[in-house]
Amino acid sequence: MKKLLIASHGDLAKGMLSSIQMITGSTAGITTINAYQEGVDLDGELTGFIQSVEAADEVFVFTDLYGGSVNQKITERFMREGLAIRIISGFNFPVILEILLGPETITSEMLEEMIEKSRRELQMNVLDPQLVIEDAEEDFFS
């Protein structure tokens, strides 16, 4: 079974979980940690997650910032525990959805492609009101 841990500074992880529920209808196998919030014990939450992992589980850990304090603490803890996991930092919604909705087993090559695809999906749109033409709205939404 896939097990996901989404950990972030503040409430980003909680918001991601809400969006996952909205799109997929389920949050089974997903744990979130909203670090540095009042009442959140990062070490205790990690212990609970680690204890929930079974030998056959495929574990994916998402942290918000590569090299950030949440990423460092989680990496250190999992290294101490000796668990085989994959940590994806700087995550975005599309890569989490692709992992959740993808095949039951995800190879390292597949994961690399998913991450690369999510990078390509980052887009910028420049909206300049001076360039807007009268029928632009109709063209955009048709």
N, C-alpha and C. Protein backbone atom coordinates (compact mmCIF):
# COMPACT_ATOMS: atom_id res chain seq x y z
N MET A 1 0.84 -1.18 0.00
CA MET A 1 0.00 0.00 0.00
C MET A 1 0.89 1.25 0.00
N LYS A 2 0.43 2.27 -0.69
CA LYS A 2 1.15 3.54 -0.67
C LYS A 2 0.85 4.26 0.63
N LYS A 3 1.89 4.78 1.26
CA LYS A 3 1.75 5.61 2.46
C LYS A 3 2.41 6.93 2.14
N LEU A 4 1.69 8.01 2.35
CA LEU A 4 2.22 9.34 2.09
C LEU A 4 2.27 10.14 3.37
N LEU A 5 3.36 10.85 3.54
CA LEU A 5 3.49 11.83 4.62
C LEU A 5 3.74 13.17 3.94
N ILE A 6 2.88 14.13 4.23
CA ILE A 6 3.05 15.49 3.71
C ILE A 6 3.35 16.38 4.91
N ALA A 7 4.53 16.98 4.91
CA ALA A 7 4.96 17.80 6.05
C ALA A 7 5.37 19.18 5.57
N SER A 8 4.94 20.19 6.31
CA SER A 8 5.23 21.56 5.90
C SER A 8 5.38 22.47 7.10
N HIS A 9 5.93 23.63 6.83
CA HIS A 9 5.90 24.72 7.79
C HIS A 9 4.48 25.27 7.76
N GLY A 10 3.84 25.40 8.89
CA GLY A 10 2.49 25.95 8.92
C GLY A 10 1.46 25.01 8.32
N ASP A 11 0.40 25.57 7.78
CA ASP A 11 -0.77 24.80 7.36
C ASP A 11 -0.79 24.34 5.91
N LEU A 12 0.32 24.43 5.20
CA LEU A 12 0.34 24.01 3.80
C LEU A 12 -0.07 22.54 3.66
N ALA A 13 0.44 21.68 4.52
CA ALA A 13 0.11 20.25 4.44
C ALA A 13 -1.38 20.02 4.65
N LYS A 14 -1.98 20.72 5.61
CA LYS A 14 -3.42 20.59 5.86
C LYS A 14 -4.23 21.03 4.64
N GLY A 15 -3.82 22.12 4.01
CA GLY A 15 -4.49 22.59 2.81
C GLY A 15 -4.36 21.60 1.66
N MET A 16 -3.18 21.00 1.54
CA MET A 16 -2.97 20.00 0.49
C MET A 16 -3.89 18.80 0.71
N LEU A 17 -4.03 18.38 1.96
CA LEU A 17 -4.91 17.26 2.28
C LEU A 17 -6.36 17.58 1.92
N SER A 18 -6.78 18.79 2.19
CA SER A 18 -8.13 19.22 1.85
C SER A 18 -8.35 19.15 0.33
N SER A 19 -7.38 19.59 -0.44
CA SER A 19 -7.48 19.54 -1.90
C SER A 19 -7.49 18.11 -2.41
N ILE A 20 -6.68 17.25 -1.80
CA ILE A 20 -6.66 15.83 -2.19
C ILE A 20 -8.03 15.21 -1.95
N GLN A 21 -8.62 15.50 -0.80
CA GLN A 21 -9.96 14.98 -0.48
C GLN A 21 -10.97 15.45 -1.52
N MET A 22 -10.88 16.71 -1.89
CA MET A 22 -11.83 17.28 -2.84
C MET A 22 -11.72 16.61 -4.22
N ILE A 23 -10.51 16.37 -4.68
CA ILE A 23 -10.29 15.82 -6.02
C ILE A 23 -10.47 14.30 -6.08
N THR A 24 -9.93 13.59 -5.08
CA THR A 24 -9.94 12.12 -5.14
C THR A 24 -11.06 11.48 -4.33
N GLY A 25 -11.61 12.22 -3.37
CA GLY A 25 -12.65 11.66 -2.52
C GLY A 25 -12.14 10.83 -1.37
N SER A 26 -10.82 10.77 -1.20
CA SER A 26 -10.25 9.94 -0.13
C SER A 26 -8.92 10.52 0.34
N THR A 27 -8.63 10.28 1.60
CA THR A 27 -7.31 10.63 2.13
C THR A 27 -6.68 9.40 2.79
N ALA A 28 -7.14 8.23 2.42
CA ALA A 28 -6.62 6.99 2.99
C ALA A 28 -5.12 6.88 2.72
N GLY A 29 -4.37 6.50 3.72
CA GLY A 29 -2.93 6.31 3.58
C GLY A 29 -2.12 7.59 3.60
N ILE A 30 -2.77 8.72 3.89
CA ILE A 30 -2.07 10.01 3.89
C ILE A 30 -2.04 10.59 5.30
N THR A 31 -0.86 10.98 5.73
CA THR A 31 -0.68 11.65 7.02
C THR A 31 -0.10 13.02 6.74
N THR A 32 -0.52 14.02 7.50
CA THR A 32 0.05 15.36 7.36
C THR A 32 0.66 15.81 8.67
N ILE A 33 1.69 16.62 8.55
CA ILE A 33 2.29 17.29 9.71
C ILE A 33 2.39 18.76 9.37
N ASN A 34 1.73 19.58 10.16
CA ASN A 34 1.77 21.04 10.01
C ASN A 34 2.73 21.57 11.07
N ALA A 35 4.01 21.53 10.77
CA ALA A 35 5.05 21.81 11.75
C ALA A 35 5.03 23.26 12.21
N TYR A 36 5.54 23.43 13.42
CA TYR A 36 5.72 24.75 14.04
C TYR A 36 4.39 25.47 14.29
N GLN A 37 3.35 24.68 14.47
CA GLN A 37 2.05 25.21 14.87
C GLN A 37 1.86 24.87 16.34
N GLU A 38 1.09 25.67 17.03
CA GLU A 38 0.83 25.41 18.43
C GLU A 38 0.20 24.03 18.59
N GLY A 39 0.75 23.25 19.51
CA GLY A 39 0.22 21.92 19.79
C GLY A 39 0.73 20.82 18.87
N VAL A 40 1.59 21.14 17.92
CA VAL A 40 2.11 20.12 17.00
C VAL A 40 3.48 19.68 17.49
N ASP A 41 3.59 18.38 17.77
CA ASP A 41 4.86 17.78 18.20
C ASP A 41 5.43 17.02 17.01
N LEU A 42 6.37 17.64 16.30
CA LEU A 42 6.92 17.05 15.08
C LEU A 42 7.48 15.65 15.34
N ASP A 43 8.26 15.49 16.40
CA ASP A 43 8.84 14.17 16.69
C ASP A 43 7.76 13.14 17.00
N GLY A 44 6.76 13.54 17.78
CA GLY A 44 5.66 12.62 18.10
C GLY A 44 4.87 12.23 16.87
N GLU A 45 4.61 13.19 16.01
CA GLU A 45 3.87 12.91 14.77
C GLU A 45 4.67 11.97 13.87
N LEU A 46 5.98 12.19 13.80
CA LEU A 46 6.84 11.30 13.00
C LEU A 46 6.83 9.89 13.56
N THR A 47 6.90 9.79 14.88
CA THR A 47 6.86 8.47 15.53
C THR A 47 5.57 7.74 15.17
N GLY A 48 4.45 8.44 15.25
CA GLY A 48 3.16 7.83 14.89
C GLY A 48 3.14 7.36 13.45
N PHE A 49 3.66 8.17 12.54
CA PHE A 49 3.69 7.78 11.14
C PHE A 49 4.59 6.56 10.94
N ILE A 50 5.78 6.60 11.51
CA ILE A 50 6.73 5.49 11.36
C ILE A 50 6.13 4.19 11.89
N GLN A 51 5.44 4.27 13.02
CA GLN A 51 4.83 3.07 13.60
C GLN A 51 3.69 2.53 12.73
N SER A 52 3.10 3.38 11.91
CA SER A 52 2.00 2.94 11.04
C SER A 52 2.49 2.26 9.76
N VAL A 53 3.77 2.41 9.46
CA VAL A 53 4.33 1.85 8.22
C VAL A 53 4.57 0.36 8.38
N GLU A 54 4.09 -0.40 7.40
CA GLU A 54 4.31 -1.84 7.38
C GLU A 54 5.36 -2.17 6.33
N ALA A 55 5.95 -3.35 6.45
CA ALA A 55 7.06 -3.75 5.57
C ALA A 55 6.70 -3.65 4.09
N ALA A 56 5.48 -3.97 3.72
CA ALA A 56 5.09 -3.97 2.30
C ALA A 56 4.70 -2.59 1.78
N ASP A 57 4.64 -1.59 2.65
CA ASP A 57 4.22 -0.25 2.23
C ASP A 57 5.28 0.43 1.38
N GLU A 58 4.80 1.18 0.40
CA GLU A 58 5.67 2.03 -0.40
C GLU A 58 5.48 3.44 0.14
N VAL A 59 6.56 4.01 0.71
CA VAL A 59 6.46 5.26 1.46
C VAL A 59 7.01 6.44 0.65
N PHE A 60 6.20 7.48 0.57
CA PHE A 60 6.58 8.74 -0.09
C PHE A 60 6.42 9.85 0.94
N VAL A 61 7.47 10.62 1.12
CA VAL A 61 7.43 11.74 2.06
C VAL A 61 7.61 13.02 1.27
N PHE A 62 6.72 13.96 1.50
CA PHE A 62 6.75 15.25 0.82
C PHE A 62 7.04 16.33 1.85
N THR A 63 8.06 17.15 1.58
CA THR A 63 8.34 18.30 2.44
C THR A 63 8.31 19.55 1.58
N ASP A 64 8.01 20.67 2.22
CA ASP A 64 7.79 21.89 1.45
C ASP A 64 9.07 22.52 0.91
N LEU A 65 10.14 22.50 1.68
CA LEU A 65 11.37 23.18 1.25
C LEU A 65 12.57 22.25 1.35
N TYR A 66 13.28 22.08 0.25
CA TYR A 66 14.52 21.30 0.27
C TYR A 66 15.52 22.00 1.18
N GLY A 67 16.04 21.29 2.15
CA GLY A 67 17.02 21.86 3.07
C GLY A 67 16.40 22.67 4.20
N GLY A 68 15.08 22.84 4.19
CA GLY A 68 14.40 23.55 5.26
C GLY A 68 14.40 22.72 6.54
N SER A 69 14.02 23.33 7.63
CA SER A 69 14.08 22.64 8.93
C SER A 69 13.19 21.40 8.97
N VAL A 70 12.02 21.46 8.37
CA VAL A 70 11.14 20.28 8.35
C VAL A 70 11.81 19.16 7.55
N ASN A 71 12.34 19.48 6.40
CA ASN A 71 13.04 18.51 5.56
C ASN A 71 14.23 17.90 6.30
N GLN A 72 15.01 18.73 6.97
CA GLN A 72 16.18 18.24 7.69
C GLN A 72 15.79 17.29 8.81
N LYS A 73 14.79 17.67 9.61
CA LYS A 73 14.39 16.83 10.74
C LYS A 73 13.82 15.50 10.27
N ILE A 74 13.03 15.54 9.22
CA ILE A 74 12.43 14.30 8.72
C ILE A 74 13.51 13.40 8.11
N THR A 75 14.40 13.97 7.33
CA THR A 75 15.48 13.19 6.73
C THR A 75 16.33 12.53 7.81
N GLU A 76 16.71 13.31 8.80
CA GLU A 76 17.53 12.78 9.90
C GLU A 76 16.80 11.64 10.62
N ARG A 77 15.54 11.83 10.90
CA ARG A 77 14.77 10.82 11.64
C ARG A 77 14.65 9.53 10.84
N PHE A 78 14.32 9.63 9.56
CA PHE A 78 14.17 8.41 8.76
C PHE A 78 15.52 7.72 8.55
N MET A 79 16.59 8.47 8.47
CA MET A 79 17.92 7.84 8.36
C MET A 79 18.23 7.07 9.63
N ARG A 80 17.92 7.66 10.78
CA ARG A 80 18.14 6.98 12.06
C ARG A 80 17.32 5.70 12.16
N GLU A 81 16.10 5.74 11.64
CA GLU A 81 15.21 4.58 11.70
C GLU A 81 15.59 3.50 10.68
N GLY A 82 16.37 3.87 9.66
CA GLY A 82 16.79 2.91 8.64
C GLY A 82 15.66 2.47 7.71
N LEU A 83 14.68 3.35 7.50
CA LEU A 83 13.56 3.01 6.62
C LEU A 83 13.85 3.43 5.18
N ALA A 84 13.46 2.57 4.25
CA ALA A 84 13.61 2.90 2.83
C ALA A 84 12.41 3.75 2.42
N ILE A 85 12.65 5.01 2.17
CA ILE A 85 11.58 5.93 1.76
C ILE A 85 12.08 6.81 0.63
N ARG A 86 11.17 7.54 0.06
CA ARG A 86 11.53 8.54 -0.94
C ARG A 86 11.04 9.88 -0.42
N ILE A 87 11.93 10.85 -0.37
CA ILE A 87 11.57 12.19 0.07
C ILE A 87 11.55 13.10 -1.14
N ILE A 88 10.41 13.74 -1.35
CA ILE A 88 10.25 14.70 -2.44
C ILE A 88 10.07 16.06 -1.79
N SER A 89 11.02 16.96 -2.02
CA SER A 89 10.90 18.28 -1.40
C SER A 89 10.57 19.32 -2.46
N GLY A 90 9.96 20.40 -2.01
CA GLY A 90 9.48 21.41 -2.95
C GLY A 90 8.31 20.86 -3.75
N PHE A 91 7.48 20.05 -3.12
CA PHE A 91 6.38 19.36 -3.80
C PHE A 91 5.33 20.32 -4.34
N ASN A 92 4.53 19.78 -5.27
CA ASN A 92 3.36 20.51 -5.74
C ASN A 92 2.19 19.54 -5.86
N PHE A 93 1.02 20.08 -6.01
CA PHE A 93 -0.21 19.28 -6.05
C PHE A 93 -0.20 18.24 -7.17
N PRO A 94 0.19 18.60 -8.41
CA PRO A 94 0.17 17.59 -9.48
C PRO A 94 1.03 16.36 -9.20
N VAL A 95 2.20 16.52 -8.61
CA VAL A 95 3.05 15.34 -8.38
C VAL A 95 2.44 14.45 -7.30
N ILE A 96 1.82 15.04 -6.29
CA ILE A 96 1.16 14.22 -5.26
C ILE A 96 0.00 13.45 -5.88
N LEU A 97 -0.81 14.12 -6.68
CA LEU A 97 -1.93 13.43 -7.33
C LEU A 97 -1.45 12.30 -8.24
N GLU A 98 -0.40 12.56 -8.99
CA GLU A 98 0.10 11.53 -9.90
C GLU A 98 0.57 10.30 -9.13
N ILE A 99 1.22 10.50 -8.01
CA ILE A 99 1.67 9.37 -7.19
C ILE A 99 0.47 8.64 -6.59
N LEU A 100 -0.48 9.40 -6.06
CA LEU A 100 -1.67 8.80 -5.47
C LEU A 100 -2.48 7.99 -6.48
N LEU A 101 -2.67 8.55 -7.65
CA LEU A 101 -3.54 7.94 -8.65
C LEU A 101 -2.80 7.02 -9.62
N GLY A 102 -1.48 6.97 -9.49
CA GLY A 102 -0.67 6.15 -10.38
C GLY A 102 -0.70 4.69 -9.99
N PRO A 103 0.13 3.89 -10.65
CA PRO A 103 0.16 2.46 -10.38
C PRO A 103 0.55 2.16 -8.93
N GLU A 104 0.17 0.98 -8.47
CA GLU A 104 0.44 0.60 -7.07
C GLU A 104 1.93 0.63 -6.75
N THR A 105 2.76 0.18 -7.69
CA THR A 105 4.21 0.22 -7.50
C THR A 105 4.79 1.28 -8.42
N ILE A 106 5.61 2.14 -7.83
CA ILE A 106 6.22 3.23 -8.60
C ILE A 106 7.74 3.07 -8.51
N THR A 107 8.36 2.83 -9.65
CA THR A 107 9.81 2.68 -9.69
C THR A 107 10.48 4.05 -9.54
N SER A 108 11.76 4.05 -9.27
CA SER A 108 12.50 5.31 -9.18
C SER A 108 12.46 6.06 -10.50
N GLU A 109 12.53 5.33 -11.61
CA GLU A 109 12.47 5.97 -12.92
C GLU A 109 11.11 6.63 -13.14
N MET A 110 10.05 5.95 -12.75
CA MET A 110 8.71 6.52 -12.87
C MET A 110 8.57 7.77 -12.01
N LEU A 111 9.12 7.72 -10.81
CA LEU A 111 9.04 8.87 -9.91
C LEU A 111 9.80 10.05 -10.48
N GLU A 112 10.98 9.80 -11.03
CA GLU A 112 11.75 10.88 -11.66
C GLU A 112 10.95 11.54 -12.78
N GLU A 113 10.28 10.72 -13.60
CA GLU A 113 9.47 11.27 -14.69
C GLU A 113 8.28 12.06 -14.16
N MET A 114 7.66 11.59 -13.10
CA MET A 114 6.54 12.32 -12.49
C MET A 114 7.00 13.69 -11.97
N ILE A 115 8.16 13.70 -11.35
CA ILE A 115 8.70 14.96 -10.83
C ILE A 115 9.03 15.90 -11.99
N GLU A 116 9.65 15.36 -13.03
CA GLU A 116 9.98 16.18 -14.19
C GLU A 116 8.72 16.73 -14.85
N LYS A 117 7.71 15.90 -14.96
CA LYS A 117 6.43 16.34 -15.54
C LYS A 117 5.83 17.47 -14.71
N SER A 118 5.89 17.35 -13.39
CA SER A 118 5.32 18.40 -12.54
C SER A 118 6.10 19.71 -12.68
N ARG A 119 7.39 19.61 -12.94
CA ARG A 119 8.18 20.82 -13.20
C ARG A 119 7.72 21.51 -14.49
N ARG A 120 7.48 20.69 -15.51
CA ARG A 120 7.02 21.25 -16.79
C ARG A 120 5.64 21.88 -16.68
N GLU A 121 4.84 21.43 -15.74
CA GLU A 121 3.50 21.97 -15.57
C GLU A 121 3.49 23.35 -14.91
N LEU A 122 4.60 23.76 -14.33
CA LEU A 122 4.68 25.11 -13.78
C LEU A 122 4.66 26.09 -14.93
N GLN A 123 3.71 26.97 -14.92
CA GLN A 123 3.54 27.93 -16.02
C GLN A 123 3.33 29.32 -15.46
N MET A 124 3.68 30.30 -16.26
CA MET A 124 3.43 31.68 -15.90
C MET A 124 2.59 32.31 -16.99
N ASN A 125 1.56 33.02 -16.59
CA ASN A 125 0.73 33.78 -17.52
C ASN A 125 0.86 35.24 -17.15
N VAL A 126 1.15 36.07 -18.10
CA VAL A 126 1.24 37.51 -17.87
C VAL A 126 -0.05 38.14 -18.38
N LEU A 127 -0.77 38.75 -17.48
CA LEU A 127 -2.02 39.41 -17.85
C LEU A 127 -1.77 40.91 -17.85
N ASP A 128 -1.84 41.50 -19.00
CA ASP A 128 -1.64 42.94 -19.14
C ASP A 128 -2.93 43.56 -19.64
N PRO A 129 -3.63 44.30 -18.77
CA PRO A 129 -4.91 44.88 -19.17
C PRO A 129 -4.83 45.74 -20.43
N GLN A 130 -3.68 46.30 -20.72
CA GLN A 130 -3.55 47.15 -21.90
C GLN A 130 -3.54 46.33 -23.19
N LEU A 131 -3.30 45.04 -23.08
CA LEU A 131 -3.27 44.18 -24.26
C LEU A 131 -4.57 43.42 -24.48
N VAL A 132 -5.50 43.58 -23.57
CA VAL A 132 -6.76 42.85 -23.65
C VAL A 132 -7.62 43.40 -24.79
N ILE A 133 -8.13 42.49 -25.59
CA ILE A 133 -9.06 42.90 -26.66
C ILE A 133 -10.48 42.51 -26.23
N GLU A 134 -11.47 43.08 -26.85
CA GLU A 134 -12.84 42.91 -26.40
C GLU A 134 -13.30 41.46 -26.33
N ASP A 135 -12.95 40.62 -27.28
CA ASP A 135 -13.45 39.25 -27.27
C ASP A 135 -12.46 38.27 -26.64
N ALA A 136 -11.46 38.75 -25.94
CA ALA A 136 -10.46 37.86 -25.35
C ALA A 136 -11.08 36.88 -24.37
N GLU A 137 -12.04 37.33 -23.58
CA GLU A 137 -12.66 36.44 -22.61
C GLU A 137 -13.36 35.28 -23.31
N GLU A 138 -14.06 35.54 -24.37
CA GLU A 138 -14.73 34.47 -25.11
C GLU A 138 -13.72 33.49 -25.70
N ASP A 139 -12.63 33.99 -26.25
CA ASP A 139 -11.60 33.12 -26.82
C ASP A 139 -10.96 32.24 -25.75
N PHE A 140 -10.71 32.82 -24.58
CA PHE A 140 -10.01 32.11 -23.52
C PHE A 140 -10.84 30.95 -22.98
N PHE A 141 -12.11 31.17 -22.79
CA PHE A 141 -12.95 30.15 -22.17
C PHE A 141 -13.71 29.27 -23.15
N SER A 142 -13.47 29.41 -24.45
CA SER A 142 -14.21 28.56 -25.39
C SER A 142 -13.49 27.29 -25.70
